[in-house]
Amino acid sequence: MVLEVQVGDVLRLKKVHPCGGYLWEIYRIGADLGLRCTTCDRHVLLPRSKVERRVKEIVRAETSST
């Protein structure tokens, strides 16, 4: 399964971050996904395959207005 995500999407992961947050915003896309915790602002890079296994749902996808 290929996860179709864009920069700005917010993901809910299965496990809680040590700060207590479940929500992560995508800030970088490629072979690795750049994620930012919406609670504590921690930035991490994870391989796309790990993110695909850990994601529970896509909470919000920002709409781009041109």
PDB file of N, CA and C in Angstrom:
ATOM      1  N   MET A   1       0.844  -1.181   0.000  1.00  0.00           N
ATOM      2  CA  MET A   1       0.000   0.000   0.000  1.00  0.00           C
ATOM      3  C   MET A   1       0.891   1.246   0.000  1.00  0.00           C
ATOM      4  N   VAL A   2       0.630   2.131  -0.931  1.00  0.00           N
ATOM      5  CA  VAL A   2       1.374   3.382  -0.997  1.00  0.00           C
ATOM      6  C   VAL A   2       0.515   4.467  -0.358  1.00  0.00           C
ATOM      7  N   LEU A   3       1.064   5.146   0.609  1.00  0.00           N
ATOM      8  CA  LEU A   3       0.364   6.198   1.323  1.00  0.00           C
ATOM      9  C   LEU A   3       0.457   7.489   0.513  1.00  0.00           C
ATOM     10  N   GLU A   4      -0.684   8.007   0.079  1.00  0.00           N
ATOM     11  CA  GLU A   4      -0.732   9.246  -0.700  1.00  0.00           C
ATOM     12  C   GLU A   4      -0.844  10.422   0.256  1.00  0.00           C
ATOM     13  N   VAL A   5       0.246  11.106   0.500  1.00  0.00           N
ATOM     14  CA  VAL A   5       0.265  12.251   1.412  1.00  0.00           C
ATOM     15  C   VAL A   5       0.941  13.431   0.737  1.00  0.00           C
ATOM     16  N   GLN A   6       0.677  14.610   1.266  1.00  0.00           N
ATOM     17  CA  GLN A   6       1.276  15.829   0.766  1.00  0.00           C
ATOM     18  C   GLN A   6       1.826  16.619   1.937  1.00  0.00           C
ATOM     19  N   VAL A   7       2.685  17.579   1.642  1.00  0.00           N
ATOM     20  CA  VAL A   7       3.202  18.463   2.677  1.00  0.00           C
ATOM     21  C   VAL A   7       2.018  19.213   3.283  1.00  0.00           C
ATOM     22  N   GLY A   8       1.970  19.241   4.614  1.00  0.00           N
ATOM     23  CA  GLY A   8       0.879  19.910   5.313  1.00  0.00           C
ATOM     24  C   GLY A   8      -0.173  18.961   5.855  1.00  0.00           C
ATOM     25  N   ASP A   9      -0.188  17.699   5.389  1.00  0.00           N
ATOM     26  CA  ASP A   9      -1.128  16.716   5.926  1.00  0.00           C
ATOM     27  C   ASP A   9      -0.773  16.416   7.373  1.00  0.00           C
ATOM     28  N   VAL A  10      -1.776  16.107   8.179  1.00  0.00           N
ATOM     29  CA  VAL A  10      -1.567  15.754   9.579  1.00  0.00           C
ATOM     30  C   VAL A  10      -1.945  14.295   9.761  1.00  0.00           C
ATOM     31  N   LEU A  11      -1.028  13.514  10.327  1.00  0.00           N
ATOM     32  CA  LEU A  11      -1.239  12.081  10.531  1.00  0.00           C
ATOM     33  C   LEU A  11      -1.432  11.781  12.010  1.00  0.00           C
ATOM     34  N   ARG A  12      -2.289  10.813  12.301  1.00  0.00           N
ATOM     35  CA  ARG A  12      -2.434  10.295  13.659  1.00  0.00           C
ATOM     36  C   ARG A  12      -1.731   8.939  13.663  1.00  0.00           C
ATOM     37  N   LEU A  13      -0.709   8.804  14.516  1.00  0.00           N
ATOM     38  CA  LEU A  13       0.052   7.559  14.591  1.00  0.00           C
ATOM     39  C   LEU A  13      -0.501   6.658  15.690  1.00  0.00           C
ATOM     40  N   LYS A  14      -0.164   5.374  15.614  1.00  0.00           N
ATOM     41  CA  LYS A  14      -0.690   4.391  16.561  1.00  0.00           C
ATOM     42  C   LYS A  14      -0.143   4.580  17.969  1.00  0.00           C
ATOM     43  N   LYS A  15       1.126   4.927  18.077  1.00  0.00           N
ATOM     44  CA  LYS A  15       1.748   5.077  19.400  1.00  0.00           C
ATOM     45  C   LYS A  15       1.900   6.541  19.764  1.00  0.00           C
ATOM     46  N   VAL A  16       1.827   6.811  21.041  1.00  0.00           N
ATOM     47  CA  VAL A  16       1.942   8.175  21.540  1.00  0.00           C
ATOM     48  C   VAL A  16       3.415   8.596  21.611  1.00  0.00           C
ATOM     49  N   HIS A  17       3.680   9.858  21.314  1.00  0.00           N
ATOM     50  CA  HIS A  17       5.016  10.442  21.448  1.00  0.00           C
ATOM     51  C   HIS A  17       5.267  10.677  22.943  1.00  0.00           C
ATOM     52  N   PRO A  18       6.494  10.650  23.417  1.00  0.00           N
ATOM     53  CA  PRO A  18       6.761  10.878  24.848  1.00  0.00           C
ATOM     54  C   PRO A  18       6.175  12.179  25.407  1.00  0.00           C
ATOM     55  N   CYS A  19       5.944  13.171  24.566  1.00  0.00           N
ATOM     56  CA  CYS A  19       5.347  14.426  25.040  1.00  0.00           C
ATOM     57  C   CYS A  19       3.845  14.286  25.252  1.00  0.00           C
ATOM     58  N   GLY A  20       3.251  13.207  24.761  1.00  0.00           N
ATOM     59  CA  GLY A  20       1.813  12.978  24.923  1.00  0.00           C
ATOM     60  C   GLY A  20       1.007  13.214  23.668  1.00  0.00           C
ATOM     61  N   GLY A  21       1.649  13.597  22.563  1.00  0.00           N
ATOM     62  CA  GLY A  21       0.923  13.898  21.328  1.00  0.00           C
ATOM     63  C   GLY A  21       0.845  12.707  20.384  1.00  0.00           C
ATOM     64  N   TYR A  22      -0.258  12.630  19.646  1.00  0.00           N
ATOM     65  CA  TYR A  22      -0.451  11.602  18.625  1.00  0.00           C
ATOM     66  C   TYR A  22      -0.358  12.171  17.215  1.00  0.00           C
ATOM     67  N   LEU A  23      -0.472  13.486  17.061  1.00  0.00           N
ATOM     68  CA  LEU A  23      -0.588  14.103  15.747  1.00  0.00           C
ATOM     69  C   LEU A  23       0.761  14.617  15.237  1.00  0.00           C
ATOM     70  N   TRP A  24       1.033  14.324  13.970  1.00  0.00           N
ATOM     71  CA  TRP A  24       2.280  14.724  13.325  1.00  0.00           C
ATOM     72  C   TRP A  24       1.964  15.375  11.983  1.00  0.00           C
ATOM     73  N   GLU A  25       2.586  16.518  11.708  1.00  0.00           N
ATOM     74  CA  GLU A  25       2.404  17.212  10.442  1.00  0.00           C
ATOM     75  C   GLU A  25       3.570  16.873   9.516  1.00  0.00           C
ATOM     76  N   ILE A  26       3.271  16.619   8.251  1.00  0.00           N
ATOM     77  CA  ILE A  26       4.310  16.304   7.267  1.00  0.00           C
ATOM     78  C   ILE A  26       4.902  17.605   6.751  1.00  0.00           C
ATOM     79  N   TYR A  27       6.244  17.723   6.808  1.00  0.00           N
ATOM     80  CA  TYR A  27       6.900  18.907   6.285  1.00  0.00           C
ATOM     81  C   TYR A  27       7.879  18.578   5.161  1.00  0.00           C
ATOM     82  N   ARG A  28       8.122  17.302   4.893  1.00  0.00           N
ATOM     83  CA  ARG A  28       9.061  16.902   3.842  1.00  0.00           C
ATOM     84  C   ARG A  28       8.613  15.559   3.281  1.00  0.00           C
ATOM     85  N   ILE A  29       8.686  15.416   1.955  1.00  0.00           N
ATOM     86  CA  ILE A  29       8.291  14.168   1.305  1.00  0.00           C
ATOM     87  C   ILE A  29       9.438  13.687   0.423  1.00  0.00           C
ATOM     88  N   GLY A  30       9.646  12.395   0.421  1.00  0.00           N
ATOM     89  CA  GLY A  30      10.680  11.766  -0.396  1.00  0.00           C
ATOM     90  C   GLY A  30      10.763  10.311   0.012  1.00  0.00           C
ATOM     91  N   ALA A  31      11.956   9.734  -0.074  1.00  0.00           N
ATOM     92  CA  ALA A  31      12.148   8.366   0.416  1.00  0.00           C
ATOM     93  C   ALA A  31      11.923   8.336   1.923  1.00  0.00           C
ATOM     94  N   ASP A  32      12.309   9.430   2.587  1.00  0.00           N
ATOM     95  CA  ASP A  32      12.021   9.621   4.009  1.00  0.00           C
ATOM     96  C   ASP A  32      10.958  10.703   4.127  1.00  0.00           C
ATOM     97  N   LEU A  33      10.108  10.570   5.140  1.00  0.00           N
ATOM     98  CA  LEU A  33       9.108  11.601   5.401  1.00  0.00           C
ATOM     99  C   LEU A  33       9.555  12.420   6.599  1.00  0.00           C
ATOM    100  N   GLY A  34       9.485  13.724   6.470  1.00  0.00           N
ATOM    101  CA  GLY A  34       9.786  14.617   7.577  1.00  0.00           C
ATOM    102  C   GLY A  34       8.509  14.887   8.343  1.00  0.00           C
ATOM    103  N   LEU A  35       8.513  14.580   9.637  1.00  0.00           N
ATOM    104  CA  LEU A  35       7.337  14.767  10.481  1.00  0.00           C
ATOM    105  C   LEU A  35       7.655  15.739  11.608  1.00  0.00           C
ATOM    106  N   ARG A  36       6.671  16.562  11.973  1.00  0.00           N
ATOM    107  CA  ARG A  36       6.797  17.508  13.076  1.00  0.00           C
ATOM    108  C   ARG A  36       5.665  17.232  14.045  1.00  0.00           C
ATOM    109  N   CYS A  37       6.003  16.968  15.301  1.00  0.00           N
ATOM    110  CA  CYS A  37       4.994  16.739  16.338  1.00  0.00           C
ATOM    111  C   CYS A  37       4.226  18.037  16.543  1.00  0.00           C
ATOM    112  N   THR A  38       2.896  17.965  16.504  1.00  0.00           N
ATOM    113  CA  THR A  38       2.091  19.178  16.652  1.00  0.00           C
ATOM    114  C   THR A  38       2.012  19.635  18.099  1.00  0.00           C
ATOM    115  N   THR A  39       2.420  18.794  19.053  1.00  0.00           N
ATOM    116  CA  THR A  39       2.376  19.153  20.472  1.00  0.00           C
ATOM    117  C   THR A  39       3.662  19.846  20.930  1.00  0.00           C
ATOM    118  N   CYS A  40       4.826  19.234  20.629  1.00  0.00           N
ATOM    119  CA  CYS A  40       6.092  19.759  21.157  1.00  0.00           C
ATOM    120  C   CYS A  40       7.023  20.322  20.080  1.00  0.00           C
ATOM    121  N   ASP A  41       6.637  20.246  18.800  1.00  0.00           N
ATOM    122  CA  ASP A  41       7.431  20.782  17.681  1.00  0.00           C
ATOM    123  C   ASP A  41       8.711  20.001  17.388  1.00  0.00           C
ATOM    124  N   ARG A  42       8.833  18.780  17.848  1.00  0.00           N
ATOM    125  CA  ARG A  42       9.997  17.941  17.547  1.00  0.00           C
ATOM    126  C   ARG A  42       9.945  17.527  16.084  1.00  0.00           C
ATOM    127  N   HIS A  43      11.099  17.576  15.396  1.00  0.00           N
ATOM    128  CA  HIS A  43      11.203  17.175  13.995  1.00  0.00           C
ATOM    129  C   HIS A  43      11.912  15.833  13.912  1.00  0.00           C
ATOM    130  N   VAL A  44      11.358  14.911  13.109  1.00  0.00           N
ATOM    131  CA  VAL A  44      11.995  13.615  12.882  1.00  0.00           C
ATOM    132  C   VAL A  44      11.897  13.266  11.400  1.00  0.00           C
ATOM    133  N   LEU A  45      12.840  12.468  10.933  1.00  0.00           N
ATOM    134  CA  LEU A  45      12.800  11.896   9.594  1.00  0.00           C
ATOM    135  C   LEU A  45      12.639  10.392   9.742  1.00  0.00           C
ATOM    136  N   LEU A  46      11.612   9.826   9.114  1.00  0.00           N
ATOM    137  CA  LEU A  46      11.372   8.391   9.156  1.00  0.00           C
ATOM    138  C   LEU A  46      11.253   7.851   7.743  1.00  0.00           C
ATOM    139  N   PRO A  47      11.749   6.633   7.504  1.00  0.00           N
ATOM    140  CA  PRO A  47      11.549   6.025   6.185  1.00  0.00           C
ATOM    141  C   PRO A  47      10.054   5.879   5.901  1.00  0.00           C
ATOM    142  N   ARG A  48       9.684   6.062   4.648  1.00  0.00           N
ATOM    143  CA  ARG A  48       8.281   5.987   4.244  1.00  0.00           C
ATOM    144  C   ARG A  48       7.638   4.665   4.671  1.00  0.00           C
ATOM    145  N   SER A  49       8.380   3.562   4.597  1.00  0.00           N
ATOM    146  CA  SER A  49       7.816   2.253   4.958  1.00  0.00           C
ATOM    147  C   SER A  49       7.410   2.197   6.437  1.00  0.00           C
ATOM    148  N   LYS A  50       8.204   2.808   7.318  1.00  0.00           N
ATOM    149  CA  LYS A  50       7.860   2.825   8.744  1.00  0.00           C
ATOM    150  C   LYS A  50       6.635   3.684   9.006  1.00  0.00           C
ATOM    151  N   VAL A  51       6.544   4.816   8.328  1.00  0.00           N
ATOM    152  CA  VAL A  51       5.391   5.690   8.514  1.00  0.00           C
ATOM    153  C   VAL A  51       4.118   4.984   8.043  1.00  0.00           C
ATOM    154  N   GLU A  52       4.189   4.279   6.912  1.00  0.00           N
ATOM    155  CA  GLU A  52       3.017   3.569   6.389  1.00  0.00           C
ATOM    156  C   GLU A  52       2.518   2.522   7.376  1.00  0.00           C
ATOM    157  N   ARG A  53       3.425   1.876   8.104  1.00  0.00           N
ATOM    158  CA  ARG A  53       3.010   0.872   9.095  1.00  0.00           C
ATOM    159  C   ARG A  53       2.429   1.510  10.345  1.00  0.00           C
ATOM    160  N   ARG A  54       2.919   2.700  10.715  1.00  0.00           N
ATOM    161  CA  ARG A  54       2.553   3.320  11.984  1.00  0.00           C
ATOM    162  C   ARG A  54       1.339   4.251  11.908  1.00  0.00           C
ATOM    163  N   VAL A  55       0.936   4.647  10.712  1.00  0.00           N
ATOM    164  CA  VAL A  55      -0.152   5.618  10.594  1.00  0.00           C
ATOM    165  C   VAL A  55      -1.494   4.949  10.889  1.00  0.00           C
ATOM    166  N   LYS A  56      -2.315   5.624  11.669  1.00  0.00           N
ATOM    167  CA  LYS A  56      -3.652   5.141  12.003  1.00  0.00           C
ATOM    168  C   LYS A  56      -4.679   5.799  11.091  1.00  0.00           C
ATOM    169  N   GLU A  57      -4.550   7.114  10.890  1.00  0.00           N
ATOM    170  CA  GLU A  57      -5.454   7.822   9.999  1.00  0.00           C
ATOM    171  C   GLU A  57      -4.831   9.154   9.575  1.00  0.00           C
ATOM    172  N   ILE A  58      -5.351   9.692   8.475  1.00  0.00           N
ATOM    173  CA  ILE A  58      -4.984  11.044   8.064  1.00  0.00           C
ATOM    174  C   ILE A  58      -6.078  11.951   8.613  1.00  0.00           C
ATOM    175  N   VAL A  59      -5.701  12.812   9.546  1.00  0.00           N
ATOM    176  CA  VAL A  59      -6.671  13.639  10.249  1.00  0.00           C
ATOM    177  C   VAL A  59      -7.101  14.818   9.393  1.00  0.00           C
ATOM    178  N   ARG A  60      -6.164  15.511   8.794  1.00  0.00           N
ATOM    179  CA  ARG A  60      -6.491  16.714   8.038  1.00  0.00           C
ATOM    180  C   ARG A  60      -5.533  16.857   6.877  1.00  0.00           C
ATOM    181  N   ALA A  61      -6.075  17.179   5.734  1.00  0.00           N
ATOM    182  CA  ALA A  61      -5.252  17.516   4.580  1.00  0.00           C
ATOM    183  C   ALA A  61      -5.580  18.960   4.239  1.00  0.00           C
ATOM    184  N   GLU A  62      -4.594  19.850   4.339  1.00  0.00           N
ATOM    185  CA  GLU A  62      -4.834  21.251   4.046  1.00  0.00           C
ATOM    186  C   GLU A  62      -5.138  21.434   2.565  1.00  0.00           C
ATOM    187  N   THR A  63      -6.104  22.259   2.276  1.00  0.00           N
ATOM    188  CA  THR A  63      -6.450  22.528   0.887  1.00  0.00           C
ATOM    189  C   THR A  63      -5.664  23.742   0.413  1.00  0.00           C
ATOM    190  N   SER A  64      -5.149  23.643  -0.781  1.00  0.00           N
ATOM    191  CA  SER A  64      -4.357  24.756  -1.314  1.00  0.00           C
ATOM    192  C   SER A  64      -5.276  25.638  -2.155  1.00  0.00           C
ATOM    193  N   SER A  65      -5.292  26.906  -1.848  1.00  0.00           N
ATOM    194  CA  SER A  65      -6.083  27.852  -2.630  1.00  0.00           C
ATOM    195  C   SER A  65      -5.134  28.674  -3.496  1.00  0.00           C
ATOM    196  N   THR A  66      -5.412  28.688  -4.799  1.00  0.00           N
ATOM    197  CA  THR A  66      -4.541  29.415  -5.723  1.00  0.00           C
ATOM    198  C   THR A  66      -5.213  30.620  -6.290  1.00  0.00           C
TER     199      THR A  66
END
